[in-house]
Amino acid sequence: MLNDANFRLVQTARQLTRKFNGPTAKLIQDGYLTYQMTAIRRLCDKRDDVFSLRKALEEAEKEKPNFKPQMDQLLRDLLSKCDHVCTQVNKHIAHTARPDNRFVPWNMGMQHLDDAHQAICHTAIILGHDILDWADFPSAEIIPVLQDYFGEDLMLWVPEQFQQQLNQVWYDNCKRVNAWKRL
């Protein structure tokens, strides 16, 4: 989620300053999308040789069988919210050379990532707090308060007139994402 928050800050800085809107912007955007999409796909992976949120739910079900209906619902919600992202990864990033890979049009928006991020955070929080009963889970923020604020690097190329607005974007996004833990 920190990578996502940093990207959103860069996007806002680009919009405010009208800088880095050519090949640099494409490089940043492509790197962000590839990183986010493959991470989401990995968290939903069903293979036995992978550590994933999906596998964590399956393992927790063995230890806490009385939570099976709740874990089944979490898994259904997780997969339904992440399915679009996973399909896009499979068709456009991970398996593009496979002959049996039928074409799917590119369709990836920030809302698709938001939906997947929220489902992942919700599933991890419910699993950790309610099912596995980790006592300190409710006190954690999804995006923690950082000692090294990424925005400081951006301020080197953001004119002073936009710096307060950029800081507000950071705090608003952190507040938005951290509110997910209370859903």
C-alpha atoms as a PDB file:
ATOM      1  CA  MET A   1       0.000   0.000   0.000  1.00  0.00           C
ATOM      2  CA  LEU A   2       2.953   2.278   0.554  1.00  0.00           C
ATOM      3  CA  ASN A   3       4.010   1.857  -3.091  1.00  0.00           C
ATOM      4  CA  ASP A   4       0.491   2.803  -4.152  1.00  0.00           C
ATOM      5  CA  ALA A   5       0.459   5.867  -1.877  1.00  0.00           C
ATOM      6  CA  ASN A   6       3.804   7.006  -3.274  1.00  0.00           C
ATOM      7  CA  PHE A   7       2.583   6.567  -6.845  1.00  0.00           C
ATOM      8  CA  ARG A   8      -0.543   8.608  -6.158  1.00  0.00           C
ATOM      9  CA  LEU A   9       1.639  11.358  -4.756  1.00  0.00           C
ATOM     10  CA  VAL A  10       3.816  11.344  -7.873  1.00  0.00           C
ATOM     11  CA  GLN A  11       0.687  11.437 -10.058  1.00  0.00           C
ATOM     12  CA  THR A  12      -0.597  14.482  -8.201  1.00  0.00           C
ATOM     13  CA  ALA A  13       2.797  16.181  -8.414  1.00  0.00           C
ATOM     14  CA  ARG A  14       2.835  15.544 -12.165  1.00  0.00           C
ATOM     15  CA  GLN A  15      -0.637  17.047 -12.552  1.00  0.00           C
ATOM     16  CA  LEU A  16       0.206  20.108 -10.453  1.00  0.00           C
ATOM     17  CA  THR A  17       3.573  20.862 -12.030  1.00  0.00           C
ATOM     18  CA  ARG A  18       2.949  19.552 -15.553  1.00  0.00           C
ATOM     19  CA  LYS A  19       6.410  17.956 -15.337  1.00  0.00           C
ATOM     20  CA  PHE A  20       7.428  14.384 -16.145  1.00  0.00           C
ATOM     21  CA  ASN A  21       4.562  13.783 -18.556  1.00  0.00           C
ATOM     22  CA  GLY A  22       6.486  12.103 -21.386  1.00  0.00           C
ATOM     23  CA  PRO A  23       8.621   8.962 -21.345  1.00  0.00           C
ATOM     24  CA  THR A  24       9.416   9.460 -17.648  1.00  0.00           C
ATOM     25  CA  ALA A  25       5.715   9.314 -16.805  1.00  0.00           C
ATOM     26  CA  LYS A  26       5.275   6.144 -18.856  1.00  0.00           C
ATOM     27  CA  LEU A  27       8.221   4.535 -17.096  1.00  0.00           C
ATOM     28  CA  ILE A  28       6.799   5.416 -13.678  1.00  0.00           C
ATOM     29  CA  GLN A  29       3.280   4.303 -14.607  1.00  0.00           C
ATOM     30  CA  ASP A  30       4.367   1.026 -16.210  1.00  0.00           C
ATOM     31  CA  GLY A  31       6.560   0.183 -13.227  1.00  0.00           C
ATOM     32  CA  TYR A  32       3.754   0.981 -10.804  1.00  0.00           C
ATOM     33  CA  LEU A  33       1.162  -1.075 -12.699  1.00  0.00           C
ATOM     34  CA  THR A  34       3.462  -4.066 -13.131  1.00  0.00           C
ATOM     35  CA  TYR A  35       4.444  -4.024  -9.453  1.00  0.00           C
ATOM     36  CA  GLN A  36       0.895  -3.602  -8.145  1.00  0.00           C
ATOM     37  CA  MET A  37      -0.740  -6.068 -10.503  1.00  0.00           C
ATOM     38  CA  THR A  38       1.792  -8.851 -10.002  1.00  0.00           C
ATOM     39  CA  ALA A  39       1.679  -8.351  -6.213  1.00  0.00           C
ATOM     40  CA  ILE A  40      -2.126  -8.653  -6.248  1.00  0.00           C
ATOM     41  CA  ARG A  41      -1.922 -11.764  -8.407  1.00  0.00           C
ATOM     42  CA  ARG A  42       0.683 -13.264  -6.097  1.00  0.00           C
ATOM     43  CA  LEU A  43      -1.498 -12.639  -3.026  1.00  0.00           C
ATOM     44  CA  CYS A  44      -4.328 -14.547  -4.720  1.00  0.00           C
ATOM     45  CA  ASP A  45      -2.154 -17.401  -6.021  1.00  0.00           C
ATOM     46  CA  LYS A  46      -3.494 -20.910  -5.380  1.00  0.00           C
ATOM     47  CA  ARG A  47      -0.305 -22.886  -5.997  1.00  0.00           C
ATOM     48  CA  ASP A  48       1.125 -24.852  -3.077  1.00  0.00           C
ATOM     49  CA  ASP A  49       4.667 -23.531  -3.564  1.00  0.00           C
ATOM     50  CA  VAL A  50       3.664 -19.888  -2.992  1.00  0.00           C
ATOM     51  CA  PHE A  51       3.010 -17.839   0.127  1.00  0.00           C
ATOM     52  CA  SER A  52      -0.248 -16.018  -0.553  1.00  0.00           C
ATOM     53  CA  LEU A  53      -3.201 -14.594   1.300  1.00  0.00           C
ATOM     54  CA  ARG A  54      -5.331 -17.242  -0.338  1.00  0.00           C
ATOM     55  CA  LYS A  55      -3.066 -20.001   0.997  1.00  0.00           C
ATOM     56  CA  ALA A  56      -3.035 -18.337   4.439  1.00  0.00           C
ATOM     57  CA  LEU A  57      -6.838 -18.585   4.517  1.00  0.00           C
ATOM     58  CA  GLU A  58      -6.677 -22.241   3.518  1.00  0.00           C
ATOM     59  CA  GLU A  59      -4.087 -22.998   6.219  1.00  0.00           C
ATOM     60  CA  ALA A  60      -6.033 -21.049   8.855  1.00  0.00           C
ATOM     61  CA  GLU A  61      -9.094 -23.112   7.987  1.00  0.00           C
ATOM     62  CA  LYS A  62      -7.207 -26.251   9.093  1.00  0.00           C
ATOM     63  CA  GLU A  63      -6.352 -24.658  12.449  1.00  0.00           C
ATOM     64  CA  LYS A  64      -9.684 -22.923  13.020  1.00  0.00           C
ATOM     65  CA  PRO A  65     -12.360 -25.043  11.305  1.00  0.00           C
ATOM     66  CA  ASN A  66     -15.126 -23.278  13.236  1.00  0.00           C
ATOM     67  CA  PHE A  67     -14.401 -20.168  11.114  1.00  0.00           C
ATOM     68  CA  LYS A  68     -14.817 -22.038   7.806  1.00  0.00           C
ATOM     69  CA  PRO A  69     -17.961 -20.159   6.649  1.00  0.00           C
ATOM     70  CA  GLN A  70     -16.343 -16.795   7.377  1.00  0.00           C
ATOM     71  CA  MET A  71     -13.092 -17.788   5.657  1.00  0.00           C
ATOM     72  CA  ASP A  72     -14.977 -19.140   2.628  1.00  0.00           C
ATOM     73  CA  GLN A  73     -16.778 -15.789   2.329  1.00  0.00           C
ATOM     74  CA  LEU A  74     -13.497 -13.882   2.692  1.00  0.00           C
ATOM     75  CA  LEU A  75     -11.936 -16.006  -0.044  1.00  0.00           C
ATOM     76  CA  ARG A  76     -14.913 -15.509  -2.383  1.00  0.00           C
ATOM     77  CA  ASP A  77     -14.815 -11.739  -1.803  1.00  0.00           C
ATOM     78  CA  LEU A  78     -11.042 -11.599  -2.242  1.00  0.00           C
ATOM     79  CA  LEU A  79     -11.082 -13.533  -5.505  1.00  0.00           C
ATOM     80  CA  SER A  80     -14.073 -11.669  -6.942  1.00  0.00           C
ATOM     81  CA  LYS A  81     -12.486  -8.256  -6.230  1.00  0.00           C
ATOM     82  CA  CYS A  82      -9.051  -9.317  -7.516  1.00  0.00           C
ATOM     83  CA  ASP A  83     -10.133 -11.421 -10.497  1.00  0.00           C
ATOM     84  CA  HIS A  84     -10.021  -8.575 -13.034  1.00  0.00           C
ATOM     85  CA  VAL A  85      -6.481  -7.604 -12.037  1.00  0.00           C
ATOM     86  CA  CYS A  86      -5.319 -11.234 -12.049  1.00  0.00           C
ATOM     87  CA  THR A  87      -6.811 -11.797 -15.522  1.00  0.00           C
ATOM     88  CA  GLN A  88      -5.100  -8.680 -16.868  1.00  0.00           C
ATOM     89  CA  VAL A  89      -1.767  -9.835 -15.413  1.00  0.00           C
ATOM     90  CA  ASN A  90      -2.147 -13.300 -16.885  1.00  0.00           C
ATOM     91  CA  LYS A  91      -3.101 -12.006 -20.318  1.00  0.00           C
ATOM     92  CA  HIS A  92      -0.776  -9.010 -20.621  1.00  0.00           C
ATOM     93  CA  ILE A  93       2.208  -9.476 -18.290  1.00  0.00           C
ATOM     94  CA  ALA A  94       2.829 -13.008 -17.045  1.00  0.00           C
ATOM     95  CA  HIS A  95       1.816 -15.391 -19.833  1.00  0.00           C
ATOM     96  CA  THR A  96       1.848 -13.339 -23.012  1.00  0.00           C
ATOM     97  CA  ALA A  97       3.832 -15.909 -25.007  1.00  0.00           C
ATOM     98  CA  ARG A  98       1.555 -18.862 -24.350  1.00  0.00           C
ATOM     99  CA  PRO A  99      -0.234 -19.924 -27.559  1.00  0.00           C
ATOM    100  CA  ASP A 100      -3.387 -20.901 -25.648  1.00  0.00           C
ATOM    101  CA  ASN A 101      -3.618 -17.439 -24.081  1.00  0.00           C
ATOM    102  CA  ARG A 102      -6.773 -15.959 -25.644  1.00  0.00           C
ATOM    103  CA  PHE A 103      -6.704 -12.214 -26.186  1.00  0.00           C
ATOM    104  CA  VAL A 104      -8.396 -10.033 -23.595  1.00  0.00           C
ATOM    105  CA  PRO A 105      -8.474  -6.277 -24.228  1.00  0.00           C
ATOM    106  CA  TRP A 106      -6.337  -4.153 -21.912  1.00  0.00           C
ATOM    107  CA  ASN A 107      -8.608  -2.594 -19.328  1.00  0.00           C
ATOM    108  CA  MET A 108      -6.915  -1.543 -16.111  1.00  0.00           C
ATOM    109  CA  GLY A 109      -8.035   1.458 -14.117  1.00  0.00           C
ATOM    110  CA  MET A 110      -7.239   2.792 -10.688  1.00  0.00           C
ATOM    111  CA  GLN A 111     -10.660   1.610  -9.481  1.00  0.00           C
ATOM    112  CA  HIS A 112      -9.731  -1.996 -10.314  1.00  0.00           C
ATOM    113  CA  LEU A 113      -6.611  -1.630  -8.172  1.00  0.00           C
ATOM    114  CA  ASP A 114      -8.540   0.140  -5.400  1.00  0.00           C
ATOM    115  CA  ASP A 115     -11.096  -2.680  -5.278  1.00  0.00           C
ATOM    116  CA  ALA A 116      -8.349  -5.301  -5.088  1.00  0.00           C
ATOM    117  CA  HIS A 117      -6.357  -3.341  -2.478  1.00  0.00           C
ATOM    118  CA  GLN A 118      -9.413  -2.919  -0.280  1.00  0.00           C
ATOM    119  CA  ALA A 119     -10.322  -6.616  -0.541  1.00  0.00           C
ATOM    120  CA  ILE A 120      -6.757  -7.661   0.318  1.00  0.00           C
ATOM    121  CA  CYS A 121      -6.575  -5.324   3.310  1.00  0.00           C
ATOM    122  CA  HIS A 122     -10.031  -6.375   4.534  1.00  0.00           C
ATOM    123  CA  THR A 123      -9.182 -10.068   4.225  1.00  0.00           C
ATOM    124  CA  ALA A 124      -5.808  -9.689   5.971  1.00  0.00           C
ATOM    125  CA  ILE A 125      -7.324  -7.683   8.821  1.00  0.00           C
ATOM    126  CA  ILE A 126     -10.229 -10.079   9.409  1.00  0.00           C
ATOM    127  CA  LEU A 127      -7.882 -13.070   9.189  1.00  0.00           C
ATOM    128  CA  GLY A 128      -5.353 -11.561  11.581  1.00  0.00           C
ATOM    129  CA  HIS A 129      -7.667  -9.928  14.082  1.00  0.00           C
ATOM    130  CA  ASP A 130     -10.877 -11.976  14.158  1.00  0.00           C
ATOM    131  CA  ILE A 131      -9.767 -15.446  13.109  1.00  0.00           C
ATOM    132  CA  LEU A 132      -6.152 -15.792  14.244  1.00  0.00           C
ATOM    133  CA  ASP A 133      -6.724 -13.457  17.201  1.00  0.00           C
ATOM    134  CA  TRP A 134      -3.528 -11.426  16.875  1.00  0.00           C
ATOM    135  CA  ALA A 135      -3.909  -8.995  19.753  1.00  0.00           C
ATOM    136  CA  ASP A 136      -1.962  -6.056  18.296  1.00  0.00           C
ATOM    137  CA  PHE A 137      -3.611  -6.150  14.864  1.00  0.00           C
ATOM    138  CA  PRO A 138      -6.254  -3.445  15.501  1.00  0.00           C
ATOM    139  CA  SER A 139      -3.661  -0.837  16.484  1.00  0.00           C
ATOM    140  CA  ALA A 140      -1.745  -1.073  13.221  1.00  0.00           C
ATOM    141  CA  GLU A 141      -2.384   1.358  10.385  1.00  0.00           C
ATOM    142  CA  ILE A 142      -2.444   0.077   6.834  1.00  0.00           C
ATOM    143  CA  ILE A 143      -0.212   2.981   5.773  1.00  0.00           C
ATOM    144  CA  PRO A 144       1.917   3.772   8.818  1.00  0.00           C
ATOM    145  CA  VAL A 145       3.299   7.161   9.776  1.00  0.00           C
ATOM    146  CA  LEU A 146       6.698   7.231   8.119  1.00  0.00           C
ATOM    147  CA  GLN A 147       9.952   8.645   9.381  1.00  0.00           C
ATOM    148  CA  ASP A 148      11.177   9.176   5.818  1.00  0.00           C
ATOM    149  CA  TYR A 149       8.319  10.853   3.975  1.00  0.00           C
ATOM    150  CA  PHE A 150       8.540  10.181   0.244  1.00  0.00           C
ATOM    151  CA  GLY A 151       7.062  13.605  -0.488  1.00  0.00           C
ATOM    152  CA  GLU A 152      10.287  15.246   0.640  1.00  0.00           C
ATOM    153  CA  ASP A 153      12.003  13.871  -2.467  1.00  0.00           C
ATOM    154  CA  LEU A 154       9.225  15.230  -4.650  1.00  0.00           C
ATOM    155  CA  MET A 155       9.529  18.683  -3.131  1.00  0.00           C
ATOM    156  CA  LEU A 156      12.838  19.054  -4.986  1.00  0.00           C
ATOM    157  CA  TRP A 157      10.916  19.510  -8.251  1.00  0.00           C
ATOM    158  CA  VAL A 158       7.553  20.739  -6.969  1.00  0.00           C
ATOM    159  CA  PRO A 159       7.306  24.534  -6.705  1.00  0.00           C
ATOM    160  CA  GLU A 160       6.612  25.856  -3.228  1.00  0.00           C
ATOM    161  CA  GLN A 161       3.127  27.015  -4.227  1.00  0.00           C
ATOM    162  CA  PHE A 162       2.031  23.367  -4.658  1.00  0.00           C
ATOM    163  CA  GLN A 163       3.790  21.766  -1.689  1.00  0.00           C
ATOM    164  CA  GLN A 164       0.980  22.203   0.837  1.00  0.00           C
ATOM    165  CA  GLN A 165      -1.531  20.749  -1.615  1.00  0.00           C
ATOM    166  CA  LEU A 166       0.749  17.789  -2.255  1.00  0.00           C
ATOM    167  CA  ASN A 167       1.101  17.146   1.474  1.00  0.00           C
ATOM    168  CA  GLN A 168      -2.692  17.261   1.834  1.00  0.00           C
ATOM    169  CA  VAL A 169      -3.069  14.671  -0.925  1.00  0.00           C
ATOM    170  CA  TRP A 170      -0.701  12.368   0.993  1.00  0.00           C
ATOM    171  CA  TYR A 171      -2.614  12.702   4.264  1.00  0.00           C
ATOM    172  CA  ASP A 172      -6.029  12.370   2.599  1.00  0.00           C
ATOM    173  CA  ASN A 173      -4.953   9.174   0.848  1.00  0.00           C
ATOM    174  CA  CYS A 174      -3.518   7.732   4.074  1.00  0.00           C
ATOM    175  CA  LYS A 175      -6.766   8.563   5.867  1.00  0.00           C
ATOM    176  CA  ARG A 176      -8.829   6.959   3.063  1.00  0.00           C
ATOM    177  CA  VAL A 177      -6.826   3.745   3.084  1.00  0.00           C
ATOM    178  CA  ASN A 178      -6.506   3.507   6.868  1.00  0.00           C
ATOM    179  CA  ALA A 179     -10.298   3.799   7.133  1.00  0.00           C
ATOM    180  CA  TRP A 180     -10.519   0.386   5.428  1.00  0.00           C
ATOM    181  CA  LYS A 181      -9.407  -1.309   8.628  1.00  0.00           C
ATOM    182  CA  ARG A 182     -12.643  -0.188  10.267  1.00  0.00           C
ATOM    183  CA  LEU A 183     -15.028  -1.489   7.600  1.00  0.00           C
END
